[in-house]
């Protein structure tokens, strides 16, 4: 077993999932891999799982060696209570649905229209938008 650590100081063990940036021309591609051992000089063998550039590129290898300070073990990422993009989108969808319901109820109750709502299609439009968002409910 090696005593190598990743860019954040986390111990690297065989079988752990990792990511690293691989040079592609003048750019960098995100590569996902699995730790597959260590070289005698201390570099880390990584078996490639997925590359950011779809399908890979010419001369791409299935197993490469990477400096331990150039990769991050993702099995050991710290816990995070921040919402995911999907959770944020769901929250925005629910807020938008509540707004549409409020405006539909207000217009049906005879409250004065605001801005574009003065057009005769405002209720129809709000109902259509609400139906589209409700159709996306999980």
N, C-alpha and C. Protein backbone atom coordinates (compact mmCIF):
# COMPACT_ATOMS: atom_id res chain seq x y z
N UNK A 1 0.84 -1.18 0.00
CA UNK A 1 0.00 0.00 0.00
C UNK A 1 0.89 1.24 0.00
N UNK A 2 0.44 2.24 -0.75
CA UNK A 2 1.21 3.46 -0.89
C UNK A 2 0.80 4.49 0.16
N UNK A 3 1.67 5.43 0.40
CA UNK A 3 1.35 6.54 1.31
C UNK A 3 1.10 7.82 0.53
N UNK A 4 0.76 7.67 -0.76
CA UNK A 4 0.51 8.84 -1.60
C UNK A 4 -0.79 9.54 -1.18
N UNK A 5 -0.79 10.85 -1.34
CA UNK A 5 -1.99 11.64 -1.05
C UNK A 5 -2.36 12.45 -2.28
N UNK A 6 -3.64 12.76 -2.39
CA UNK A 6 -4.10 13.54 -3.55
C UNK A 6 -3.85 15.03 -3.32
N UNK A 7 -4.38 15.86 -4.21
CA UNK A 7 -4.15 17.31 -4.15
C UNK A 7 -4.69 17.93 -2.87
N UNK A 8 -5.65 17.28 -2.20
CA UNK A 8 -6.21 17.81 -0.96
C UNK A 8 -5.61 17.17 0.29
N UNK A 9 -4.70 16.21 0.08
CA UNK A 9 -4.08 15.56 1.23
C UNK A 9 -4.78 14.28 1.66
N UNK A 10 -5.74 13.79 0.87
CA UNK A 10 -6.46 12.56 1.17
C UNK A 10 -5.62 11.37 0.71
N UNK A 11 -5.54 10.32 1.54
CA UNK A 11 -4.79 9.12 1.16
C UNK A 11 -5.38 8.49 -0.09
N UNK A 12 -4.51 8.06 -0.99
CA UNK A 12 -4.92 7.40 -2.22
C UNK A 12 -4.83 5.91 -2.02
N UNK A 13 -5.92 5.20 -2.25
CA UNK A 13 -5.94 3.74 -2.13
C UNK A 13 -6.44 3.14 -3.43
N UNK A 14 -5.97 1.94 -3.74
CA UNK A 14 -6.41 1.26 -4.96
C UNK A 14 -7.91 1.03 -4.92
N UNK A 15 -8.56 1.23 -6.08
CA UNK A 15 -10.00 1.03 -6.19
C UNK A 15 -10.81 2.30 -5.94
N UNK A 16 -10.18 3.36 -5.45
CA UNK A 16 -10.89 4.61 -5.20
C UNK A 16 -11.19 5.32 -6.52
N UNK A 17 -12.32 6.01 -6.58
CA UNK A 17 -12.66 6.82 -7.75
C UNK A 17 -11.94 8.15 -7.64
N UNK A 18 -11.53 8.67 -8.80
CA UNK A 18 -10.82 9.94 -8.80
C UNK A 18 -11.14 10.73 -10.06
N UNK A 19 -10.78 12.00 -10.04
CA UNK A 19 -10.87 12.85 -11.22
C UNK A 19 -9.56 13.60 -11.36
N UNK A 20 -9.23 13.95 -12.59
CA UNK A 20 -8.05 14.78 -12.83
C UNK A 20 -8.21 15.49 -14.16
N UNK A 21 -7.43 16.52 -14.37
CA UNK A 21 -7.45 17.27 -15.62
C UNK A 21 -6.38 16.76 -16.55
N UNK A 22 -6.80 16.31 -17.73
CA UNK A 22 -5.84 15.80 -18.72
C UNK A 22 -5.67 16.84 -19.82
N UNK A 23 -4.43 17.11 -20.21
CA UNK A 23 -4.22 18.10 -21.28
C UNK A 23 -4.70 17.57 -22.63
N UNK A 24 -5.42 18.42 -23.35
CA UNK A 24 -5.89 18.10 -24.70
C UNK A 24 -5.61 19.33 -25.55
N UNK A 25 -4.54 19.29 -26.29
CA UNK A 25 -4.15 20.46 -27.06
C UNK A 25 -3.86 21.62 -26.12
N UNK A 26 -4.56 22.73 -26.31
CA UNK A 26 -4.38 23.88 -25.43
C UNK A 26 -5.48 23.96 -24.38
N UNK A 27 -6.16 22.86 -24.16
CA UNK A 27 -7.27 22.82 -23.22
C UNK A 27 -7.05 21.72 -22.20
N UNK A 28 -8.01 21.57 -21.30
CA UNK A 28 -7.96 20.54 -20.28
C UNK A 28 -9.28 19.77 -20.32
N UNK A 29 -9.21 18.45 -20.26
CA UNK A 29 -10.41 17.61 -20.22
C UNK A 29 -10.52 16.99 -18.83
N UNK A 30 -11.71 16.99 -18.29
CA UNK A 30 -11.94 16.32 -17.02
C UNK A 30 -12.01 14.82 -17.28
N UNK A 31 -11.26 14.06 -16.50
CA UNK A 31 -11.23 12.62 -16.67
C UNK A 31 -11.61 11.97 -15.35
N UNK A 32 -12.50 10.98 -15.43
CA UNK A 32 -12.89 10.20 -14.26
C UNK A 32 -12.21 8.84 -14.38
N UNK A 33 -11.68 8.36 -13.27
CA UNK A 33 -11.00 7.08 -13.30
C UNK A 33 -11.03 6.37 -11.97
N UNK A 34 -10.39 5.20 -11.95
CA UNK A 34 -10.29 4.40 -10.74
C UNK A 34 -8.81 4.13 -10.50
N UNK A 35 -8.36 4.31 -9.26
CA UNK A 35 -6.95 4.08 -8.92
C UNK A 35 -6.64 2.60 -9.16
N UNK A 36 -5.58 2.36 -9.93
CA UNK A 36 -5.25 1.00 -10.35
C UNK A 36 -3.85 0.59 -9.92
N UNK A 37 -3.24 1.31 -9.02
CA UNK A 37 -1.91 0.95 -8.54
C UNK A 37 -0.97 2.15 -8.56
N UNK A 38 0.31 1.84 -8.32
CA UNK A 38 1.31 2.90 -8.22
C UNK A 38 2.55 2.50 -8.97
N UNK A 39 3.23 3.48 -9.58
CA UNK A 39 4.48 3.21 -10.27
C UNK A 39 5.62 3.20 -9.24
N UNK A 40 6.77 2.61 -9.58
CA UNK A 40 7.90 2.62 -8.65
C UNK A 40 8.35 4.04 -8.29
N UNK A 41 8.10 5.00 -9.18
CA UNK A 41 8.54 6.37 -8.92
C UNK A 41 7.51 7.16 -8.10
N UNK A 42 6.38 6.56 -7.74
CA UNK A 42 5.41 7.23 -6.90
C UNK A 42 4.21 7.82 -7.62
N UNK A 43 4.18 7.67 -8.96
CA UNK A 43 3.01 8.14 -9.69
C UNK A 43 1.86 7.15 -9.51
N UNK A 44 0.67 7.56 -9.88
CA UNK A 44 -0.53 6.75 -9.64
C UNK A 44 -1.08 6.25 -10.98
N UNK A 45 -1.29 4.92 -11.08
CA UNK A 45 -1.94 4.37 -12.27
C UNK A 45 -3.44 4.59 -12.13
N UNK A 46 -4.05 5.13 -13.18
CA UNK A 46 -5.49 5.39 -13.19
C UNK A 46 -6.10 4.68 -14.39
N UNK A 47 -7.11 3.83 -14.12
CA UNK A 47 -7.87 3.18 -15.18
C UNK A 47 -9.00 4.14 -15.55
N UNK A 48 -9.06 4.55 -16.81
CA UNK A 48 -10.00 5.57 -17.27
C UNK A 48 -11.42 4.99 -17.32
N UNK A 49 -12.36 5.74 -16.75
CA UNK A 49 -13.77 5.37 -16.79
C UNK A 49 -14.50 6.25 -17.80
N UNK A 50 -14.23 7.55 -17.78
CA UNK A 50 -14.96 8.50 -18.63
C UNK A 50 -14.12 9.74 -18.85
N UNK A 51 -14.22 10.28 -20.05
CA UNK A 51 -13.53 11.53 -20.38
C UNK A 51 -14.54 12.60 -20.72
N UNK A 52 -14.23 13.85 -20.41
CA UNK A 52 -15.14 14.96 -20.69
C UNK A 52 -15.33 15.16 -22.19
N UNK A 53 -14.31 14.90 -22.97
CA UNK A 53 -14.43 15.00 -24.42
C UNK A 53 -14.98 13.68 -24.90
N UNK A 54 -16.24 13.67 -25.31
CA UNK A 54 -16.96 12.44 -25.66
C UNK A 54 -16.16 11.48 -26.51
N UNK A 55 -16.07 10.25 -26.05
CA UNK A 55 -15.43 9.20 -26.81
C UNK A 55 -13.92 9.20 -26.78
N UNK A 56 -13.32 10.20 -26.20
CA UNK A 56 -11.86 10.23 -26.13
C UNK A 56 -11.27 10.99 -27.30
N UNK A 57 -9.97 10.85 -27.48
CA UNK A 57 -9.27 11.54 -28.54
C UNK A 57 -8.22 10.60 -29.09
N UNK A 58 -7.58 10.98 -30.17
CA UNK A 58 -6.63 10.09 -30.82
C UNK A 58 -5.48 9.74 -29.88
N UNK A 59 -5.11 8.49 -29.87
CA UNK A 59 -4.03 8.04 -29.02
C UNK A 59 -4.40 7.90 -27.56
N UNK A 60 -5.67 7.96 -27.24
CA UNK A 60 -6.11 7.86 -25.85
C UNK A 60 -5.86 6.44 -25.32
N UNK A 61 -5.46 6.38 -24.06
CA UNK A 61 -5.16 5.09 -23.44
C UNK A 61 -6.20 4.79 -22.37
N UNK A 62 -6.39 3.50 -22.08
CA UNK A 62 -7.35 3.09 -21.06
C UNK A 62 -6.76 3.17 -19.65
N UNK A 63 -5.45 3.26 -19.56
CA UNK A 63 -4.76 3.30 -18.27
C UNK A 63 -3.59 4.26 -18.39
N UNK A 64 -3.52 5.22 -17.49
CA UNK A 64 -2.45 6.23 -17.55
C UNK A 64 -1.87 6.40 -16.16
N UNK A 65 -0.67 6.96 -16.08
CA UNK A 65 -0.12 7.29 -14.77
C UNK A 65 -0.15 8.81 -14.60
N UNK A 66 -0.50 9.22 -13.39
CA UNK A 66 -0.73 10.64 -13.09
C UNK A 66 0.00 10.96 -11.80
N UNK A 67 0.52 12.17 -11.70
CA UNK A 67 1.12 12.61 -10.45
C UNK A 67 0.04 12.70 -9.37
N UNK A 68 0.34 12.24 -8.18
CA UNK A 68 -0.67 12.20 -7.12
C UNK A 68 -1.21 13.58 -6.77
N UNK A 69 -0.41 14.62 -6.98
CA UNK A 69 -0.87 15.97 -6.68
C UNK A 69 -1.74 16.55 -7.80
N UNK A 70 -1.96 15.79 -8.85
CA UNK A 70 -2.76 16.25 -9.99
C UNK A 70 -4.16 15.62 -10.01
N UNK A 71 -4.49 14.82 -9.01
CA UNK A 71 -5.80 14.19 -9.00
C UNK A 71 -6.49 14.40 -7.65
N UNK A 72 -7.80 14.15 -7.64
CA UNK A 72 -8.60 14.27 -6.43
C UNK A 72 -9.40 12.99 -6.27
N UNK A 73 -9.28 12.38 -5.11
CA UNK A 73 -10.07 11.18 -4.80
C UNK A 73 -11.47 11.64 -4.46
N UNK A 74 -12.45 11.24 -5.27
CA UNK A 74 -13.82 11.71 -5.06
C UNK A 74 -14.59 10.84 -4.08
N UNK A 75 -14.08 9.67 -3.74
CA UNK A 75 -14.72 8.84 -2.71
C UNK A 75 -14.68 9.54 -1.37
N UNK A 76 -13.72 10.44 -1.20
CA UNK A 76 -13.50 11.08 0.10
C UNK A 76 -13.91 12.55 0.10
N UNK A 77 -14.84 12.93 -0.77
CA UNK A 77 -15.27 14.32 -0.76
C UNK A 77 -16.04 14.61 0.52
N UNK A 78 -15.87 15.78 1.08
CA UNK A 78 -16.57 16.11 2.32
C UNK A 78 -18.08 16.22 2.10
N UNK A 79 -18.83 15.94 3.12
CA UNK A 79 -20.29 16.06 3.05
C UNK A 79 -20.65 17.52 2.76
N UNK A 80 -21.72 17.71 2.02
CA UNK A 80 -22.13 19.06 1.65
C UNK A 80 -23.64 19.16 1.75
N UNK A 81 -24.11 20.19 2.44
CA UNK A 81 -25.55 20.36 2.59
C UNK A 81 -26.12 21.37 1.59
N UNK A 82 -25.33 21.79 0.63
CA UNK A 82 -25.82 22.71 -0.39
C UNK A 82 -26.75 21.96 -1.34
N UNK A 83 -27.78 22.63 -1.86
CA UNK A 83 -28.71 21.95 -2.77
C UNK A 83 -28.05 21.66 -4.12
N UNK A 84 -28.49 20.59 -4.75
CA UNK A 84 -28.00 20.26 -6.08
C UNK A 84 -28.70 21.15 -7.10
N UNK A 85 -28.22 21.16 -8.32
CA UNK A 85 -28.88 21.94 -9.37
C UNK A 85 -30.31 21.47 -9.57
N UNK A 86 -30.54 20.16 -9.49
CA UNK A 86 -31.90 19.63 -9.65
C UNK A 86 -32.81 20.12 -8.52
N UNK A 87 -32.29 20.15 -7.31
CA UNK A 87 -33.09 20.63 -6.18
C UNK A 87 -33.42 22.12 -6.32
N UNK A 88 -32.45 22.89 -6.80
CA UNK A 88 -32.70 24.32 -7.03
C UNK A 88 -33.76 24.51 -8.12
N UNK A 89 -33.66 23.73 -9.19
CA UNK A 89 -34.63 23.84 -10.28
C UNK A 89 -36.02 23.45 -9.80
N UNK A 90 -36.12 22.42 -8.97
CA UNK A 90 -37.42 22.01 -8.43
C UNK A 90 -38.00 23.10 -7.55
N UNK A 91 -37.17 23.74 -6.75
CA UNK A 91 -37.64 24.83 -5.89
C UNK A 91 -38.17 25.99 -6.74
N UNK A 92 -37.43 26.35 -7.80
CA UNK A 92 -37.89 27.43 -8.68
C UNK A 92 -39.20 27.06 -9.38
N UNK A 93 -39.33 25.79 -9.78
CA UNK A 93 -40.55 25.32 -10.44
C UNK A 93 -41.74 25.44 -9.49
N UNK A 94 -41.55 25.02 -8.24
CA UNK A 94 -42.63 25.09 -7.26
C UNK A 94 -43.02 26.55 -6.96
N UNK A 95 -42.02 27.43 -6.88
CA UNK A 95 -42.30 28.85 -6.66
C UNK A 95 -43.08 29.44 -7.83
N UNK A 96 -42.69 29.07 -9.04
CA UNK A 96 -43.37 29.57 -10.24
C UNK A 96 -44.81 29.06 -10.26
N UNK A 97 -45.03 27.78 -9.91
CA UNK A 97 -46.38 27.23 -9.87
C UNK A 97 -47.24 27.97 -8.85
N UNK A 98 -46.69 28.27 -7.69
CA UNK A 98 -47.43 28.99 -6.65
C UNK A 98 -47.80 30.39 -7.16
N UNK A 99 -46.86 31.05 -7.85
CA UNK A 99 -47.14 32.37 -8.39
C UNK A 99 -48.28 32.31 -9.41
N UNK A 100 -48.24 31.32 -10.32
CA UNK A 100 -49.30 31.18 -11.32
C UNK A 100 -50.65 30.95 -10.64
N UNK A 101 -50.68 30.10 -9.63
CA UNK A 101 -51.94 29.84 -8.92
C UNK A 101 -52.47 31.12 -8.26
N UNK A 102 -51.57 31.90 -7.65
CA UNK A 102 -51.97 33.16 -7.02
C UNK A 102 -52.56 34.13 -8.04
N UNK A 103 -51.89 34.25 -9.19
CA UNK A 103 -52.36 35.19 -10.21
C UNK A 103 -53.68 34.72 -10.82
N UNK A 104 -53.84 33.42 -11.02
CA UNK A 104 -55.10 32.89 -11.55
C UNK A 104 -56.23 33.21 -10.57
N UNK A 105 -56.01 32.93 -9.29
CA UNK A 105 -57.04 33.19 -8.27
C UNK A 105 -57.36 34.68 -8.20
N UNK A 106 -56.33 35.52 -8.28
CA UNK A 106 -56.55 36.98 -8.19
C UNK A 106 -57.35 37.49 -9.39
N UNK A 107 -57.00 37.02 -10.58
CA UNK A 107 -57.71 37.47 -11.77
C UNK A 107 -59.15 36.96 -11.78
N UNK A 108 -59.34 35.71 -11.32
CA UNK A 108 -60.70 35.16 -11.25
C UNK A 108 -61.54 35.89 -10.21
N UNK A 109 -60.90 36.41 -9.17
CA UNK A 109 -61.61 37.14 -8.11
C UNK A 109 -61.90 38.59 -8.52
N UNK A 110 -61.42 38.99 -9.68
CA UNK A 110 -61.71 40.32 -10.17
C UNK A 110 -60.69 41.38 -9.81
N UNK A 111 -59.55 40.99 -9.27
CA UNK A 111 -58.51 41.97 -8.96
C UNK A 111 -58.01 42.59 -10.27
N UNK A 112 -57.53 43.82 -10.20
CA UNK A 112 -57.05 44.46 -11.44
C UNK A 112 -55.82 43.73 -12.00
N UNK A 113 -55.76 43.69 -13.31
CA UNK A 113 -54.63 43.05 -13.99
C UNK A 113 -53.38 43.88 -13.84
N UNK A 114 -52.23 43.22 -13.87
CA UNK A 114 -50.93 43.89 -13.75
C UNK A 114 -50.16 43.74 -15.06
N UNK A 115 -49.73 44.84 -15.63
CA UNK A 115 -48.90 44.79 -16.83
C UNK A 115 -49.56 44.07 -17.98
N UNK A 116 -48.90 43.06 -18.50
CA UNK A 116 -49.37 42.33 -19.68
C UNK A 116 -50.67 41.58 -19.40
N UNK A 117 -51.03 41.38 -18.13
CA UNK A 117 -52.23 40.62 -17.79
C UNK A 117 -53.51 41.27 -18.29
N UNK A 118 -53.42 42.52 -18.70
CA UNK A 118 -54.62 43.20 -19.19
C UNK A 118 -55.09 42.62 -20.51
N UNK A 119 -54.25 41.81 -21.14
CA UNK A 119 -54.69 41.17 -22.38
C UNK A 119 -55.73 40.11 -22.03
N UNK A 120 -56.60 39.81 -22.99
CA UNK A 120 -57.71 38.89 -22.72
C UNK A 120 -57.25 37.45 -22.50
N UNK A 121 -56.01 37.12 -22.89
CA UNK A 121 -55.53 35.75 -22.79
C UNK A 121 -54.73 35.47 -21.53
N UNK A 122 -54.68 36.38 -20.59
CA UNK A 122 -53.83 36.21 -19.40
C UNK A 122 -54.20 34.95 -18.62
N UNK A 123 -55.49 34.75 -18.35
CA UNK A 123 -55.90 33.56 -17.59
C UNK A 123 -55.56 32.27 -18.34
N UNK A 124 -55.83 32.28 -19.64
CA UNK A 124 -55.52 31.10 -20.46
C UNK A 124 -54.02 30.81 -20.44
N UNK A 125 -53.24 31.87 -20.56
CA UNK A 125 -51.78 31.70 -20.57
C UNK A 125 -51.28 31.18 -19.23
N UNK A 126 -51.74 31.75 -18.12
CA UNK A 126 -51.32 31.27 -16.80
C UNK A 126 -51.71 29.81 -16.61
N UNK A 127 -52.91 29.45 -17.02
CA UNK A 127 -53.36 28.05 -16.87
C UNK A 127 -52.50 27.11 -17.71
N UNK A 128 -52.14 27.54 -18.90
CA UNK A 128 -51.30 26.70 -19.77
C UNK A 128 -49.91 26.53 -19.15
N UNK A 129 -49.33 27.62 -18.67
CA UNK A 129 -48.00 27.54 -18.04
C UNK A 129 -48.05 26.65 -16.80
N UNK A 130 -49.10 26.79 -16.00
CA UNK A 130 -49.24 25.96 -14.80
C UNK A 130 -49.36 24.50 -15.18
N UNK A 131 -50.15 24.18 -16.19
CA UNK A 131 -50.30 22.79 -16.63
C UNK A 131 -48.96 22.21 -17.11
N UNK A 132 -48.17 23.03 -17.81
CA UNK A 132 -46.86 22.56 -18.28
C UNK A 132 -45.94 22.23 -17.11
N UNK A 133 -45.94 23.08 -16.08
CA UNK A 133 -45.10 22.83 -14.91
C UNK A 133 -45.60 21.65 -14.09
N UNK A 134 -46.93 21.51 -13.97
CA UNK A 134 -47.49 20.37 -13.23
C UNK A 134 -47.17 19.06 -13.94
N UNK A 135 -47.08 19.08 -15.27
CA UNK A 135 -46.75 17.87 -16.03
C UNK A 135 -45.33 17.39 -15.74
N UNK A 136 -44.48 18.28 -15.26
CA UNK A 136 -43.09 17.93 -14.93
C UNK A 136 -42.93 17.42 -13.51
N UNK A 137 -44.04 17.33 -12.76
CA UNK A 137 -43.95 16.86 -11.37
C UNK A 137 -43.41 15.44 -11.32
N UNK A 138 -42.53 15.19 -10.36
CA UNK A 138 -41.97 13.84 -10.25
C UNK A 138 -42.99 12.84 -9.76
